[in-house]
Amino acid sequence: MKKRFYSLYKIFLINSFSNKIALMFNIIFPVIYFAISNAAVLTNNYTVSKNQLISGSAYYFSYIALTTILNSVILAMIEYRDYGYYKIIYMVSNSKYLVLISQFLSQWTFLIVELFLFNLITTLFFRSFAYLGYLLVTTTIAAIVLVLPLTMGLYFLLTVKLKLQTYSIVNTLIVFGSFMLVTVETKNNLLNLLLLCTPIKYLMTGYEVIMQFLFYKVNLNALINLLIVIVFYVLLGIIFIAKQNISTIFEK
């Protein structure tokens, strides 16, 4: 079992790093947006505190994490399935769960590398290299705690009957729709909880809770709501992983 897992993990990991377009898109786009958004700081030599740097990175962490999940985990599994590779890998490993776990962990490794590169670039831009360690600890803990539940929640896309080309459009709509809803706040607690289920708001709120845990006092209400959403994502994932088919959903 361990040998099969390592072999699958290695295959998926090599495939991830061979996809230069995904790596560059997930890094270059946030860096360009970061530079434009912080042009005044970068050109006027303003000093940035540790807390400002870490808090400001929540937006970019959320984008990198979500696009990696959608494109490198969900869309990749759909491509493997629809091109018949998933069935071949399953026949070799004899375990659907082993395939999912090894594929997820390879992409999680890929995500950690992306976050490291982005954090390194931002600290160099701000000339705040001394804060790199704090930034890496915060983003790594956030990646460990938040990414797996969200990935499980988004596994429902593996059971949706759509053509492969359509998933790229769906992924784009999820990303932009999530960013549009991130600033929405209401006086209704139930509605706020439902809004927290949107990926970007979930990732940013979770990032802020982790930052509070490390450097401040945690907002108990935000923590409870976050835990509720995490449990919801996990339960959703368990349901849809069990329903997932190793063959294309269009196969008769």
Protein backbone atom coordinates (compact mmCIF):
# COMPACT_ATOMS: atom_id res chain seq x y z
CA MET A 1 0.00 0.00 0.00
CA LYS A 2 2.77 2.44 0.98
CA LYS A 3 4.71 1.65 -2.19
CA ARG A 4 1.66 2.17 -4.41
CA PHE A 5 0.88 5.45 -2.65
CA TYR A 6 4.42 6.75 -3.10
CA SER A 7 4.44 5.77 -6.78
CA LEU A 8 1.11 7.52 -7.44
CA TYR A 9 2.16 10.56 -5.43
CA LYS A 10 5.38 10.84 -7.43
CA ILE A 11 3.56 10.53 -10.77
CA PHE A 12 0.99 13.20 -9.86
CA LEU A 13 3.68 15.50 -8.44
CA ILE A 14 5.85 15.29 -11.57
CA ASN A 15 2.77 16.01 -13.67
CA SER A 16 1.97 19.07 -11.51
CA PHE A 17 5.39 20.66 -11.86
CA SER A 18 5.48 19.89 -15.58
CA ASN A 19 2.42 22.13 -15.99
CA LYS A 20 4.33 25.40 -16.21
CA ILE A 21 1.24 27.36 -17.33
CA ALA A 22 -0.69 26.57 -14.14
CA LEU A 23 2.33 27.35 -11.96
CA MET A 24 2.99 30.68 -13.65
CA PHE A 25 -0.69 31.70 -13.79
CA ASN A 26 -1.15 30.98 -10.08
CA ILE A 27 1.95 33.04 -9.22
CA ILE A 28 2.33 35.76 -11.87
CA PHE A 29 -1.28 36.99 -11.85
CA PRO A 30 -1.40 37.53 -8.04
CA VAL A 31 2.07 39.15 -8.11
CA ILE A 32 1.04 41.62 -10.85
CA TYR A 33 -2.20 42.47 -9.03
CA PHE A 34 -0.26 42.78 -5.76
CA ALA A 35 2.24 45.18 -7.34
CA ILE A 36 -0.54 47.34 -8.86
CA SER A 37 -2.55 47.40 -5.61
CA ASN A 38 0.48 48.36 -3.53
CA ALA A 39 2.18 50.70 -6.02
CA ALA A 40 2.22 53.61 -3.54
CA VAL A 41 3.90 51.49 -0.88
CA LEU A 42 6.43 50.03 -3.29
CA THR A 43 7.44 53.35 -4.85
CA ASN A 44 7.53 55.49 -1.69
CA ASN A 45 9.49 53.16 0.58
CA TYR A 46 6.75 52.95 3.19
CA THR A 47 7.38 50.56 6.04
CA VAL A 48 4.97 47.67 6.47
CA SER A 49 4.44 45.95 9.81
CA LYS A 50 4.39 42.20 10.28
CA ASN A 51 0.64 42.20 11.00
CA GLN A 52 -0.16 44.37 7.96
CA LEU A 53 1.84 42.07 5.71
CA ILE A 54 0.24 38.88 7.03
CA SER A 55 -3.29 40.31 7.07
CA GLY A 56 -2.89 41.68 3.54
CA SER A 57 -1.76 38.30 2.23
CA ALA A 58 -5.13 36.68 3.07
CA TYR A 59 -6.65 37.88 -0.23
CA TYR A 60 -3.82 36.42 -2.31
CA PHE A 61 -3.62 33.21 -0.28
CA SER A 62 -7.32 32.65 -0.97
CA TYR A 63 -6.94 33.18 -4.72
CA ILE A 64 -3.90 30.89 -5.03
CA ALA A 65 -5.49 28.17 -2.88
CA LEU A 66 -8.84 28.21 -4.71
CA THR A 67 -7.40 28.27 -8.25
CA THR A 68 -5.02 25.44 -7.35
CA ILE A 69 -7.88 23.33 -5.95
CA LEU A 70 -10.13 23.96 -8.95
CA ASN A 71 -7.55 23.64 -11.73
CA SER A 72 -4.94 21.26 -10.34
CA VAL A 73 -7.17 18.97 -8.22
CA ILE A 74 -10.78 19.02 -9.46
CA LEU A 75 -10.23 19.74 -13.17
CA ALA A 76 -7.22 17.40 -13.27
CA MET A 77 -9.28 14.51 -11.84
CA ILE A 78 -12.04 15.19 -14.37
CA GLU A 79 -9.48 15.10 -17.19
CA TYR A 80 -8.00 11.84 -15.86
CA ARG A 81 -11.49 10.37 -15.68
CA ASP A 82 -12.77 11.50 -19.07
CA TYR A 83 -9.59 10.52 -20.92
CA GLY A 84 -9.63 7.08 -19.30
CA TYR A 85 -6.47 7.52 -17.22
CA TYR A 86 -8.37 7.33 -13.93
CA LYS A 87 -9.67 3.87 -14.77
CA ILE A 88 -6.16 2.67 -15.63
CA ILE A 89 -4.69 4.12 -12.42
CA TYR A 90 -7.52 2.57 -10.41
CA MET A 91 -6.89 -0.85 -11.94
CA VAL A 92 -3.23 -0.61 -10.92
CA SER A 93 -3.83 0.75 -7.39
CA ASN A 94 -7.15 -1.07 -6.79
CA SER A 95 -8.34 1.79 -4.61
CA LYS A 96 -10.31 4.90 -5.55
CA TYR A 97 -9.40 6.51 -2.24
CA LEU A 98 -5.69 5.88 -2.70
CA VAL A 99 -5.84 7.70 -6.04
CA LEU A 100 -7.72 10.66 -4.54
CA ILE A 101 -5.42 10.93 -1.52
CA SER A 102 -2.17 10.71 -3.48
CA GLN A 103 -3.45 13.15 -6.10
CA PHE A 104 -4.59 15.64 -3.44
CA LEU A 105 -1.33 15.45 -1.48
CA SER A 106 0.73 16.00 -4.64
CA GLN A 107 -1.31 19.12 -5.42
CA TRP A 108 -1.06 20.25 -1.79
CA THR A 109 2.74 20.03 -2.14
CA PHE A 110 2.41 22.05 -5.35
CA LEU A 111 0.32 24.63 -3.44
CA ILE A 112 2.93 24.97 -0.67
CA VAL A 113 5.61 25.68 -3.29
CA GLU A 114 3.35 28.32 -4.90
CA LEU A 115 2.69 29.98 -1.53
CA PHE A 116 6.39 29.97 -0.68
CA LEU A 117 7.27 31.67 -3.97
CA PHE A 118 4.52 34.26 -3.60
CA ASN A 119 5.45 35.02 0.03
CA LEU A 120 9.11 35.33 -0.93
CA ILE A 121 8.29 37.77 -3.73
CA THR A 122 5.99 39.91 -1.53
CA THR A 123 8.50 40.19 1.32
CA LEU A 124 11.21 41.17 -1.17
CA PHE A 125 8.89 43.81 -2.69
CA PHE A 126 8.18 45.29 0.74
CA ARG A 127 11.78 44.87 1.84
CA SER A 128 10.38 42.97 4.83
CA PHE A 129 12.36 39.76 4.47
CA ALA A 130 12.54 39.42 8.27
CA TYR A 131 8.79 38.69 8.27
CA LEU A 132 9.01 35.84 5.77
CA GLY A 133 9.07 33.21 8.52
CA TYR A 134 5.86 34.56 10.12
CA LEU A 135 4.18 34.69 6.73
CA LEU A 136 5.19 31.14 5.85
CA VAL A 137 3.96 29.77 9.19
CA THR A 138 0.57 31.49 8.80
CA THR A 139 0.01 30.42 5.19
CA THR A 140 1.23 26.86 5.81
CA ILE A 141 -1.10 26.36 8.79
CA ALA A 142 -3.95 27.86 6.74
CA ALA A 143 -3.16 25.47 3.88
CA ILE A 144 -3.15 22.49 6.26
CA VAL A 145 -6.37 23.40 8.08
CA LEU A 146 -8.50 24.94 5.32
CA VAL A 147 -7.60 23.39 1.96
CA LEU A 148 -8.59 19.75 2.53
CA PRO A 149 -12.17 20.51 3.72
CA LEU A 150 -12.73 22.90 0.81
CA THR A 151 -11.36 20.35 -1.66
CA MET A 152 -13.75 17.75 -0.26
CA GLY A 153 -16.64 20.19 -0.57
CA LEU A 154 -15.79 20.88 -4.21
CA TYR A 155 -15.64 17.18 -5.06
CA PHE A 156 -19.33 17.49 -5.96
CA LEU A 157 -18.09 18.84 -9.31
CA LEU A 158 -16.82 15.34 -10.11
CA THR A 159 -20.40 14.08 -10.20
CA VAL A 160 -21.89 16.94 -12.25
CA LYS A 161 -22.78 15.92 -15.80
CA LEU A 162 -20.87 18.51 -17.82
CA LYS A 163 -18.52 18.29 -20.76
CA LEU A 164 -14.83 18.71 -19.98
CA GLN A 165 -14.58 22.08 -21.76
CA THR A 166 -17.43 23.48 -19.66
CA TYR A 167 -15.61 22.93 -16.36
CA SER A 168 -13.12 25.72 -17.09
CA ILE A 169 -16.05 28.15 -17.40
CA VAL A 170 -17.61 26.80 -14.18
CA ASN A 171 -14.29 27.17 -12.34
CA THR A 172 -13.96 30.78 -13.51
CA LEU A 173 -17.51 31.55 -12.38
CA ILE A 174 -16.82 30.02 -8.96
CA VAL A 175 -13.68 32.17 -8.52
CA PHE A 176 -15.24 35.46 -9.63
CA GLY A 177 -18.56 34.75 -7.92
CA SER A 178 -16.77 34.02 -4.66
CA PHE A 179 -14.79 37.27 -4.83
CA MET A 180 -17.97 39.24 -5.53
CA LEU A 181 -19.62 37.83 -2.40
CA VAL A 182 -16.62 38.17 -0.09
CA THR A 183 -17.53 41.69 1.13
CA VAL A 184 -21.25 40.98 1.58
CA GLU A 185 -22.38 41.19 5.21
CA THR A 186 -25.90 40.99 6.64
CA LYS A 187 -27.53 41.24 10.06
CA ASN A 188 -28.90 37.73 9.66
CA ASN A 189 -26.58 35.17 11.30
CA LEU A 190 -27.91 32.27 9.22
CA LEU A 191 -27.37 34.17 5.97
CA ASN A 192 -23.85 35.12 7.05
CA LEU A 193 -23.18 31.45 7.73
CA LEU A 194 -24.41 30.56 4.24
CA LEU A 195 -22.16 33.26 2.74
CA LEU A 196 -19.26 31.76 4.68
CA CYS A 197 -19.76 28.58 2.66
CA THR A 198 -18.55 30.42 -0.47
CA PRO A 199 -14.91 29.42 -1.08
CA ILE A 200 -13.13 32.80 -0.94
CA LYS A 201 -15.01 34.05 2.12
CA TYR A 202 -14.32 30.71 3.82
CA LEU A 203 -10.59 30.88 3.01
CA MET A 204 -10.19 34.53 4.00
CA THR A 205 -12.17 34.12 7.23
CA GLY A 206 -10.24 30.97 8.08
CA TYR A 207 -6.95 32.76 7.37
CA GLU A 208 -7.96 35.62 9.66
CA VAL A 209 -8.98 33.21 12.44
CA ILE A 210 -5.60 31.45 12.18
CA MET A 211 -3.82 34.82 12.27
CA GLN A 212 -5.83 35.76 15.38
CA PHE A 213 -4.91 32.44 16.98
CA LEU A 214 -1.20 33.03 16.34
CA PHE A 215 -0.94 36.75 17.15
CA TYR A 216 -4.15 38.01 18.79
CA LYS A 217 -7.24 36.78 20.59
CA VAL A 218 -9.53 34.54 18.53
CA ASN A 219 -13.06 35.74 17.77
CA LEU A 220 -15.08 32.85 19.22
CA ASN A 221 -18.12 33.43 17.01
CA ALA A 222 -15.99 33.44 13.84
CA LEU A 223 -14.23 30.26 14.99
CA ILE A 224 -17.52 28.42 15.65
CA ASN A 225 -18.95 29.43 12.26
CA LEU A 226 -15.73 28.35 10.56
CA LEU A 227 -15.84 24.94 12.26
CA ILE A 228 -19.47 24.49 11.16
CA VAL A 229 -18.52 25.17 7.53
CA ILE A 230 -15.51 22.83 7.76
CA VAL A 231 -17.76 20.01 9.04
CA PHE A 232 -20.25 20.78 6.25
CA TYR A 233 -17.53 20.59 3.58
CA VAL A 234 -16.19 17.31 4.99
CA LEU A 235 -19.64 15.69 5.10
CA LEU A 236 -20.35 16.91 1.56
CA GLY A 237 -17.06 15.41 0.42
CA ILE A 238 -17.78 12.04 2.03
CA ILE A 239 -21.13 11.86 0.23
CA PHE A 240 -19.84 12.81 -3.22
CA ILE A 241 -16.59 10.83 -3.05
CA ALA A 242 -18.70 7.73 -2.43
CA LYS A 243 -20.80 8.59 -5.51
CA GLN A 244 -17.82 9.33 -7.75
CA ASN A 245 -17.42 7.15 -10.81
CA ILE A 246 -14.00 6.20 -12.15
CA SER A 247 -15.38 6.20 -15.69
CA THR A 248 -16.58 9.22 -17.62
CA ILE A 249 -20.15 10.12 -16.69
CA PHE A 250 -21.03 10.12 -20.41
CA GLU A 251 -19.94 6.49 -20.82
CA LYS A 252 -22.80 4.11 -21.52
